[in-house]
Amino acid sequence: MTSLQNGHSDSVERRVSGRARPHNAQYSGRILLVDDDPKFQQIMREFLELKGFRVIIASSGQEAMRCLTRSDPRVVLLDMKMPGMDGLLTLKRIRVSHPTVPVIFVTQSDEEEFIGEARLLGVNDCLLKPFSFEALEAILLTKIVR
């Protein structure tokens, strides 16, 4: 499903795996990752945990709403296309229940037409797959420090 899997997952996995978790992780707090792709979930979890975050994973919009109530994340990384409740509907519900939590859409480039609607609904930023870990880290840093 993700562009990371299509030709980029090997380099991402090599880049993330094999590194020991640093003793002085740079960041802290919880990140809610909402994506239905198990491979993408694994890659993202490994990277974010290396940076010191605790990662909560939801595979659907419905599950994300349950996790939001229990976990109080610092940031939500939200996929656009998921079965059931898609990213736009999930974003609408997040804005009602948790209006101040930063939400970053993580979506494929062929879904760019949805980005305008997402911005109107209050998404804080968008990352187009495939993206670099440096780009993700920079966006996370701006949302956490804000």
N, C-alpha and C. Protein backbone atom coordinates (compact mmCIF):
# COMPACT_ATOMS: atom_id res chain seq x y z
N MET A 1 0.81 -1.19 0.00
CA MET A 1 0.00 0.00 0.00
C MET A 1 0.85 1.25 0.00
N THR A 2 1.88 1.32 0.79
CA THR A 2 2.64 2.55 0.89
C THR A 2 3.76 2.58 -0.12
N SER A 3 4.16 3.77 -0.47
CA SER A 3 5.30 3.93 -1.35
C SER A 3 6.57 3.48 -0.66
N LEU A 4 6.59 3.53 0.67
CA LEU A 4 7.76 3.04 1.38
C LEU A 4 7.96 1.57 1.12
N GLN A 5 6.87 0.84 0.95
CA GLN A 5 7.00 -0.58 0.67
C GLN A 5 7.42 -0.83 -0.76
N ASN A 6 7.04 0.04 -1.64
CA ASN A 6 7.32 -0.16 -3.05
C ASN A 6 8.70 0.39 -3.40
N GLY A 7 9.73 -0.36 -3.04
CA GLY A 7 11.06 0.02 -3.44
C GLY A 7 11.86 0.76 -2.38
N HIS A 8 11.24 1.23 -1.35
CA HIS A 8 11.97 2.00 -0.35
C HIS A 8 12.06 1.31 0.99
N SER A 9 11.28 0.28 1.23
CA SER A 9 11.24 -0.31 2.57
C SER A 9 12.57 -0.95 2.95
N ASP A 10 13.28 -1.55 1.99
CA ASP A 10 14.55 -2.16 2.35
C ASP A 10 15.52 -1.13 2.88
N SER A 11 15.64 0.01 2.20
CA SER A 11 16.57 1.02 2.67
C SER A 11 16.10 1.63 3.99
N VAL A 12 14.81 1.78 4.16
CA VAL A 12 14.29 2.31 5.41
C VAL A 12 14.57 1.33 6.54
N GLU A 13 14.30 0.06 6.30
CA GLU A 13 14.54 -0.94 7.34
C GLU A 13 16.01 -1.02 7.69
N ARG A 14 16.88 -0.98 6.69
CA ARG A 14 18.31 -1.01 6.97
C ARG A 14 18.72 0.21 7.78
N ARG A 15 18.14 1.32 7.45
CA ARG A 15 18.49 2.56 8.13
C ARG A 15 18.03 2.55 9.58
N VAL A 16 16.86 1.99 9.83
CA VAL A 16 16.31 1.98 11.18
C VAL A 16 16.84 0.79 11.97
N SER A 17 16.82 -0.40 11.38
CA SER A 17 17.25 -1.57 12.13
C SER A 17 18.77 -1.55 12.28
N GLY A 18 19.23 -2.23 13.29
CA GLY A 18 20.66 -2.26 13.52
C GLY A 18 21.15 -1.13 14.40
N ARG A 19 20.31 -0.16 14.68
CA ARG A 19 20.69 0.92 15.58
C ARG A 19 20.18 0.60 16.97
N ALA A 20 21.03 0.77 17.92
CA ALA A 20 20.57 0.61 19.30
C ALA A 20 19.80 1.85 19.70
N ARG A 21 18.84 1.67 20.56
CA ARG A 21 18.08 2.82 21.04
C ARG A 21 19.01 3.71 21.87
N PRO A 22 19.07 4.99 21.57
CA PRO A 22 19.98 5.86 22.30
C PRO A 22 19.56 6.00 23.75
N HIS A 23 20.57 6.13 24.62
CA HIS A 23 20.27 6.33 26.04
C HIS A 23 19.60 7.67 26.27
N ASN A 24 20.00 8.67 25.54
CA ASN A 24 19.41 10.01 25.68
C ASN A 24 18.56 10.29 24.45
N ALA A 25 17.39 9.73 24.41
CA ALA A 25 16.50 9.95 23.27
C ALA A 25 16.17 11.43 23.19
N GLN A 26 16.01 11.93 21.97
CA GLN A 26 15.82 13.35 21.76
C GLN A 26 14.45 13.87 22.20
N TYR A 27 13.43 13.09 22.04
CA TYR A 27 12.08 13.57 22.27
C TYR A 27 11.37 12.64 23.24
N SER A 28 10.25 13.09 23.71
CA SER A 28 9.46 12.24 24.58
C SER A 28 7.99 12.47 24.30
N GLY A 29 7.16 11.66 24.90
CA GLY A 29 5.73 11.78 24.70
C GLY A 29 5.21 10.70 23.78
N ARG A 30 3.91 10.71 23.60
CA ARG A 30 3.24 9.70 22.80
C ARG A 30 2.87 10.25 21.43
N ILE A 31 2.99 9.38 20.45
CA ILE A 31 2.53 9.69 19.09
C ILE A 31 1.53 8.62 18.73
N LEU A 32 0.39 9.05 18.24
CA LEU A 32 -0.62 8.12 17.74
C LEU A 32 -0.42 8.00 16.23
N LEU A 33 -0.10 6.79 15.79
CA LEU A 33 0.08 6.49 14.38
C LEU A 33 -1.16 5.75 13.90
N VAL A 34 -1.87 6.33 12.93
CA VAL A 34 -3.10 5.74 12.42
C VAL A 34 -2.86 5.35 10.97
N ASP A 35 -2.70 4.05 10.75
CA ASP A 35 -2.42 3.53 9.41
C ASP A 35 -2.78 2.06 9.40
N ASP A 36 -3.35 1.59 8.32
CA ASP A 36 -3.79 0.20 8.24
C ASP A 36 -2.75 -0.73 7.64
N ASP A 37 -1.57 -0.24 7.33
CA ASP A 37 -0.51 -1.03 6.72
C ASP A 37 0.47 -1.51 7.80
N PRO A 38 0.48 -2.81 8.12
CA PRO A 38 1.35 -3.32 9.19
C PRO A 38 2.84 -3.07 8.96
N LYS A 39 3.29 -3.15 7.72
CA LYS A 39 4.71 -2.92 7.41
C LYS A 39 5.08 -1.46 7.68
N PHE A 40 4.23 -0.55 7.25
CA PHE A 40 4.46 0.88 7.49
C PHE A 40 4.42 1.16 8.99
N GLN A 41 3.49 0.55 9.70
CA GLN A 41 3.42 0.70 11.15
C GLN A 41 4.73 0.30 11.80
N GLN A 42 5.28 -0.83 11.39
CA GLN A 42 6.52 -1.34 11.98
C GLN A 42 7.68 -0.38 11.72
N ILE A 43 7.82 0.06 10.49
CA ILE A 43 8.91 0.96 10.13
C ILE A 43 8.81 2.27 10.93
N MET A 44 7.62 2.81 10.98
CA MET A 44 7.42 4.07 11.69
C MET A 44 7.64 3.90 13.19
N ARG A 45 7.14 2.83 13.75
CA ARG A 45 7.33 2.58 15.19
C ARG A 45 8.82 2.55 15.52
N GLU A 46 9.58 1.79 14.74
CA GLU A 46 11.01 1.67 15.01
C GLU A 46 11.70 3.04 14.96
N PHE A 47 11.40 3.81 13.95
CA PHE A 47 12.03 5.13 13.84
C PHE A 47 11.63 6.03 15.00
N LEU A 48 10.34 6.12 15.28
CA LEU A 48 9.86 7.01 16.33
C LEU A 48 10.37 6.59 17.70
N GLU A 49 10.44 5.30 17.95
CA GLU A 49 10.96 4.84 19.23
C GLU A 49 12.45 5.14 19.36
N LEU A 50 13.19 5.08 18.26
CA LEU A 50 14.59 5.48 18.29
C LEU A 50 14.74 6.94 18.71
N LYS A 51 13.76 7.74 18.38
CA LYS A 51 13.79 9.16 18.73
C LYS A 51 13.27 9.42 20.14
N GLY A 52 12.79 8.38 20.82
CA GLY A 52 12.35 8.53 22.20
C GLY A 52 10.86 8.59 22.41
N PHE A 53 10.08 8.53 21.35
CA PHE A 53 8.62 8.59 21.48
C PHE A 53 8.06 7.23 21.89
N ARG A 54 6.95 7.27 22.57
CA ARG A 54 6.14 6.08 22.79
C ARG A 54 5.09 6.09 21.68
N VAL A 55 4.94 5.00 20.97
CA VAL A 55 4.07 4.95 19.80
C VAL A 55 2.84 4.11 20.11
N ILE A 56 1.69 4.70 19.86
CA ILE A 56 0.42 3.99 19.95
C ILE A 56 -0.05 3.81 18.52
N ILE A 57 -0.42 2.60 18.17
CA ILE A 57 -0.83 2.32 16.79
C ILE A 57 -2.31 2.01 16.73
N ALA A 58 -2.97 2.65 15.79
CA ALA A 58 -4.37 2.36 15.48
C ALA A 58 -4.43 2.00 13.99
N SER A 59 -5.18 0.96 13.68
CA SER A 59 -5.28 0.51 12.29
C SER A 59 -6.51 1.05 11.57
N SER A 60 -7.31 1.83 12.27
CA SER A 60 -8.53 2.39 11.66
C SER A 60 -8.88 3.71 12.35
N GLY A 61 -9.76 4.45 11.72
CA GLY A 61 -10.23 5.69 12.32
C GLY A 61 -10.98 5.45 13.62
N GLN A 62 -11.79 4.42 13.65
CA GLN A 62 -12.55 4.10 14.86
C GLN A 62 -11.60 3.78 16.01
N GLU A 63 -10.60 2.98 15.74
CA GLU A 63 -9.61 2.63 16.76
C GLU A 63 -8.84 3.87 17.21
N ALA A 64 -8.54 4.76 16.28
CA ALA A 64 -7.83 6.00 16.61
C ALA A 64 -8.62 6.83 17.60
N MET A 65 -9.92 6.91 17.42
CA MET A 65 -10.74 7.72 18.33
C MET A 65 -10.73 7.12 19.74
N ARG A 66 -10.74 5.80 19.84
CA ARG A 66 -10.64 5.15 21.16
C ARG A 66 -9.28 5.43 21.79
N CYS A 67 -8.22 5.35 20.99
CA CYS A 67 -6.86 5.58 21.50
C CYS A 67 -6.66 7.03 21.94
N LEU A 68 -7.26 7.96 21.24
CA LEU A 68 -7.13 9.38 21.61
C LEU A 68 -7.63 9.63 23.01
N THR A 69 -8.72 9.02 23.34
CA THR A 69 -9.33 9.22 24.66
C THR A 69 -8.43 8.67 25.76
N ARG A 70 -7.80 7.55 25.50
CA ARG A 70 -6.98 6.89 26.53
C ARG A 70 -5.55 7.40 26.59
N SER A 71 -4.98 7.87 25.48
CA SER A 71 -3.53 8.07 25.44
C SER A 71 -3.06 9.52 25.47
N ASP A 72 -3.89 10.48 25.10
CA ASP A 72 -3.50 11.88 25.07
C ASP A 72 -2.16 12.10 24.36
N PRO A 73 -2.10 11.81 23.04
CA PRO A 73 -0.83 11.92 22.32
C PRO A 73 -0.43 13.38 22.08
N ARG A 74 0.85 13.58 21.86
CA ARG A 74 1.36 14.91 21.52
C ARG A 74 1.10 15.22 20.06
N VAL A 75 1.07 14.20 19.21
CA VAL A 75 0.88 14.35 17.77
C VAL A 75 0.15 13.12 17.25
N VAL A 76 -0.67 13.32 16.21
CA VAL A 76 -1.32 12.21 15.50
C VAL A 76 -0.77 12.19 14.08
N LEU A 77 -0.27 11.04 13.66
CA LEU A 77 0.12 10.81 12.26
C LEU A 77 -1.01 10.00 11.65
N LEU A 78 -1.67 10.55 10.65
CA LEU A 78 -2.93 10.00 10.15
C LEU A 78 -2.86 9.69 8.66
N ASP A 79 -3.14 8.44 8.32
CA ASP A 79 -3.21 8.02 6.92
C ASP A 79 -4.53 8.49 6.32
N MET A 80 -4.52 8.77 5.03
CA MET A 80 -5.72 9.23 4.35
C MET A 80 -6.66 8.08 4.03
N LYS A 81 -6.14 7.05 3.38
CA LYS A 81 -6.99 5.95 2.91
C LYS A 81 -6.91 4.78 3.86
N MET A 82 -8.04 4.51 4.49
CA MET A 82 -8.17 3.36 5.37
C MET A 82 -9.57 2.79 5.17
N PRO A 83 -9.72 1.50 5.40
CA PRO A 83 -11.07 0.94 5.30
C PRO A 83 -11.96 1.51 6.41
N GLY A 84 -13.22 1.60 6.13
CA GLY A 84 -14.15 2.16 7.12
C GLY A 84 -14.04 3.67 7.16
N MET A 85 -13.73 4.19 8.31
CA MET A 85 -13.62 5.64 8.50
C MET A 85 -12.28 6.12 7.93
N ASP A 86 -12.32 6.88 6.84
CA ASP A 86 -11.09 7.34 6.20
C ASP A 86 -10.44 8.48 7.00
N GLY A 87 -9.32 8.96 6.50
CA GLY A 87 -8.57 9.99 7.19
C GLY A 87 -9.31 11.30 7.35
N LEU A 88 -10.08 11.71 6.34
CA LEU A 88 -10.81 12.98 6.44
C LEU A 88 -11.89 12.92 7.53
N LEU A 89 -12.64 11.85 7.56
CA LEU A 89 -13.66 11.71 8.59
C LEU A 89 -13.03 11.60 9.98
N THR A 90 -11.93 10.87 10.05
CA THR A 90 -11.21 10.76 11.33
C THR A 90 -10.73 12.13 11.77
N LEU A 91 -10.18 12.91 10.85
CA LEU A 91 -9.73 14.27 11.18
C LEU A 91 -10.88 15.13 11.69
N LYS A 92 -12.03 15.05 11.03
CA LYS A 92 -13.20 15.81 11.49
C LYS A 92 -13.53 15.47 12.94
N ARG A 93 -13.52 14.19 13.24
CA ARG A 93 -13.87 13.76 14.61
C ARG A 93 -12.79 14.15 15.62
N ILE A 94 -11.53 14.09 15.20
CA ILE A 94 -10.45 14.52 16.09
C ILE A 94 -10.60 16.00 16.42
N ARG A 95 -10.94 16.80 15.43
CA ARG A 95 -11.07 18.24 15.65
C ARG A 95 -12.21 18.57 16.62
N VAL A 96 -13.22 17.73 16.66
CA VAL A 96 -14.33 17.93 17.60
C VAL A 96 -13.90 17.52 19.01
N SER A 97 -13.29 16.35 19.13
CA SER A 97 -12.98 15.81 20.46
C SER A 97 -11.65 16.31 21.03
N HIS A 98 -10.68 16.60 20.18
CA HIS A 98 -9.34 17.02 20.60
C HIS A 98 -8.85 18.14 19.67
N PRO A 99 -9.45 19.31 19.77
CA PRO A 99 -9.18 20.37 18.78
C PRO A 99 -7.74 20.89 18.76
N THR A 100 -6.98 20.68 19.81
CA THR A 100 -5.63 21.27 19.84
C THR A 100 -4.51 20.29 19.51
N VAL A 101 -4.81 19.00 19.44
CA VAL A 101 -3.75 18.04 19.15
C VAL A 101 -3.31 18.20 17.69
N PRO A 102 -2.00 18.32 17.45
CA PRO A 102 -1.53 18.43 16.07
C PRO A 102 -1.78 17.14 15.30
N VAL A 103 -2.28 17.28 14.07
CA VAL A 103 -2.53 16.14 13.20
C VAL A 103 -1.74 16.34 11.92
N ILE A 104 -0.96 15.33 11.58
CA ILE A 104 -0.15 15.36 10.36
C ILE A 104 -0.66 14.25 9.46
N PHE A 105 -1.11 14.62 8.26
CA PHE A 105 -1.53 13.61 7.29
C PHE A 105 -0.29 12.99 6.67
N VAL A 106 -0.30 11.68 6.58
CA VAL A 106 0.74 10.93 5.91
C VAL A 106 0.03 10.21 4.79
N THR A 107 0.26 10.66 3.56
CA THR A 107 -0.55 10.17 2.46
C THR A 107 0.28 9.98 1.20
N GLN A 108 -0.26 9.24 0.29
CA GLN A 108 0.44 9.02 -0.98
C GLN A 108 0.22 10.21 -1.90
N SER A 109 1.17 10.41 -2.80
CA SER A 109 1.12 11.59 -3.66
C SER A 109 -0.10 11.59 -4.58
N ASP A 110 -0.67 10.42 -4.89
CA ASP A 110 -1.84 10.40 -5.76
C ASP A 110 -3.12 10.83 -5.03
N GLU A 111 -3.00 11.19 -3.78
CA GLU A 111 -4.15 11.63 -2.98
C GLU A 111 -4.08 13.13 -2.68
N GLU A 112 -3.28 13.86 -3.43
CA GLU A 112 -3.06 15.28 -3.17
C GLU A 112 -4.33 16.10 -3.21
N GLU A 113 -5.33 15.68 -3.97
CA GLU A 113 -6.57 16.47 -4.05
C GLU A 113 -7.28 16.55 -2.71
N PHE A 114 -7.00 15.61 -1.81
CA PHE A 114 -7.62 15.62 -0.49
C PHE A 114 -6.93 16.58 0.48
N ILE A 115 -5.73 16.99 0.14
CA ILE A 115 -4.96 17.84 1.06
C ILE A 115 -5.65 19.18 1.28
N GLY A 116 -6.21 19.76 0.24
CA GLY A 116 -6.93 21.03 0.40
C GLY A 116 -8.09 20.89 1.37
N GLU A 117 -8.85 19.84 1.22
CA GLU A 117 -9.96 19.60 2.15
C GLU A 117 -9.45 19.36 3.56
N ALA A 118 -8.35 18.63 3.67
CA ALA A 118 -7.77 18.37 4.99
C ALA A 118 -7.33 19.67 5.65
N ARG A 119 -6.77 20.57 4.89
CA ARG A 119 -6.35 21.87 5.44
C ARG A 119 -7.55 22.66 5.95
N LEU A 120 -8.65 22.61 5.20
CA LEU A 120 -9.88 23.29 5.65
C LEU A 120 -10.41 22.69 6.95
N LEU A 121 -10.16 21.40 7.15
CA LEU A 121 -10.64 20.71 8.35
C LEU A 121 -9.67 20.88 9.53
N GLY A 122 -8.52 21.48 9.28
CA GLY A 122 -7.61 21.78 10.37
C GLY A 122 -6.41 20.87 10.51
N VAL A 123 -6.02 20.17 9.45
CA VAL A 123 -4.79 19.38 9.53
C VAL A 123 -3.62 20.35 9.70
N ASN A 124 -2.64 19.97 10.47
CA ASN A 124 -1.52 20.86 10.74
C ASN A 124 -0.42 20.76 9.70
N ASP A 125 -0.28 19.60 9.09
CA ASP A 125 0.76 19.43 8.07
C ASP A 125 0.47 18.16 7.29
N CYS A 126 1.18 17.99 6.17
CA CYS A 126 1.03 16.80 5.33
C CYS A 126 2.41 16.31 4.91
N LEU A 127 2.57 15.01 4.92
CA LEU A 127 3.77 14.37 4.40
C LEU A 127 3.32 13.44 3.28
N LEU A 128 3.96 13.58 2.12
CA LEU A 128 3.63 12.71 0.99
C LEU A 128 4.60 11.54 0.96
N LYS A 129 4.04 10.32 0.89
CA LYS A 129 4.85 9.11 0.80
C LYS A 129 5.40 9.00 -0.61
N PRO A 130 6.63 8.59 -0.79
CA PRO A 130 7.63 8.32 0.23
C PRO A 130 8.23 9.62 0.75
N PHE A 131 8.57 9.65 2.01
CA PHE A 131 9.18 10.82 2.62
C PHE A 131 10.44 10.38 3.36
N SER A 132 11.28 11.34 3.67
CA SER A 132 12.50 11.02 4.40
C SER A 132 12.23 11.10 5.90
N PHE A 133 13.01 10.37 6.65
CA PHE A 133 12.90 10.45 8.10
C PHE A 133 13.26 11.86 8.58
N GLU A 134 14.16 12.52 7.88
CA GLU A 134 14.53 13.88 8.26
C GLU A 134 13.34 14.82 8.13
N ALA A 135 12.56 14.66 7.06
CA ALA A 135 11.37 15.51 6.88
C ALA A 135 10.36 15.24 7.98
N LEU A 136 10.15 13.98 8.31
CA LEU A 136 9.22 13.62 9.39
C LEU A 136 9.69 14.23 10.71
N GLU A 137 10.96 14.08 11.01
CA GLU A 137 11.50 14.59 12.26
C GLU A 137 11.36 16.11 12.34
N ALA A 138 11.62 16.81 11.24
CA ALA A 138 11.50 18.27 11.23
C ALA A 138 10.05 18.70 11.49
N ILE A 139 9.10 18.03 10.87
CA ILE A 139 7.70 18.38 11.08
C ILE A 139 7.28 18.07 12.51
N LEU A 140 7.69 16.92 13.02
CA LEU A 140 7.36 16.58 14.41
C LEU A 140 7.92 17.60 15.37
N LEU A 141 9.14 18.01 15.13
CA LEU A 141 9.77 18.98 16.02
C LEU A 141 8.99 20.30 16.04
N THR A 142 8.56 20.76 14.87
CA THR A 142 7.80 22.02 14.85
C THR A 142 6.45 21.88 15.55
N LYS A 143 5.84 20.72 15.47
CA LYS A 143 4.53 20.52 16.12
C LYS A 143 4.66 20.36 17.63
N ILE A 144 5.75 19.78 18.07
CA ILE A 144 5.95 19.56 19.50
C ILE A 144 6.40 20.84 20.19
N VAL A 145 7.24 21.60 19.54
CA VAL A 145 7.78 22.81 20.15
C VAL A 145 6.80 23.97 20.08
N ARG A 146 5.88 23.94 19.15
CA ARG A 146 4.97 25.06 18.89
C ARG A 146 4.43 25.73 20.09
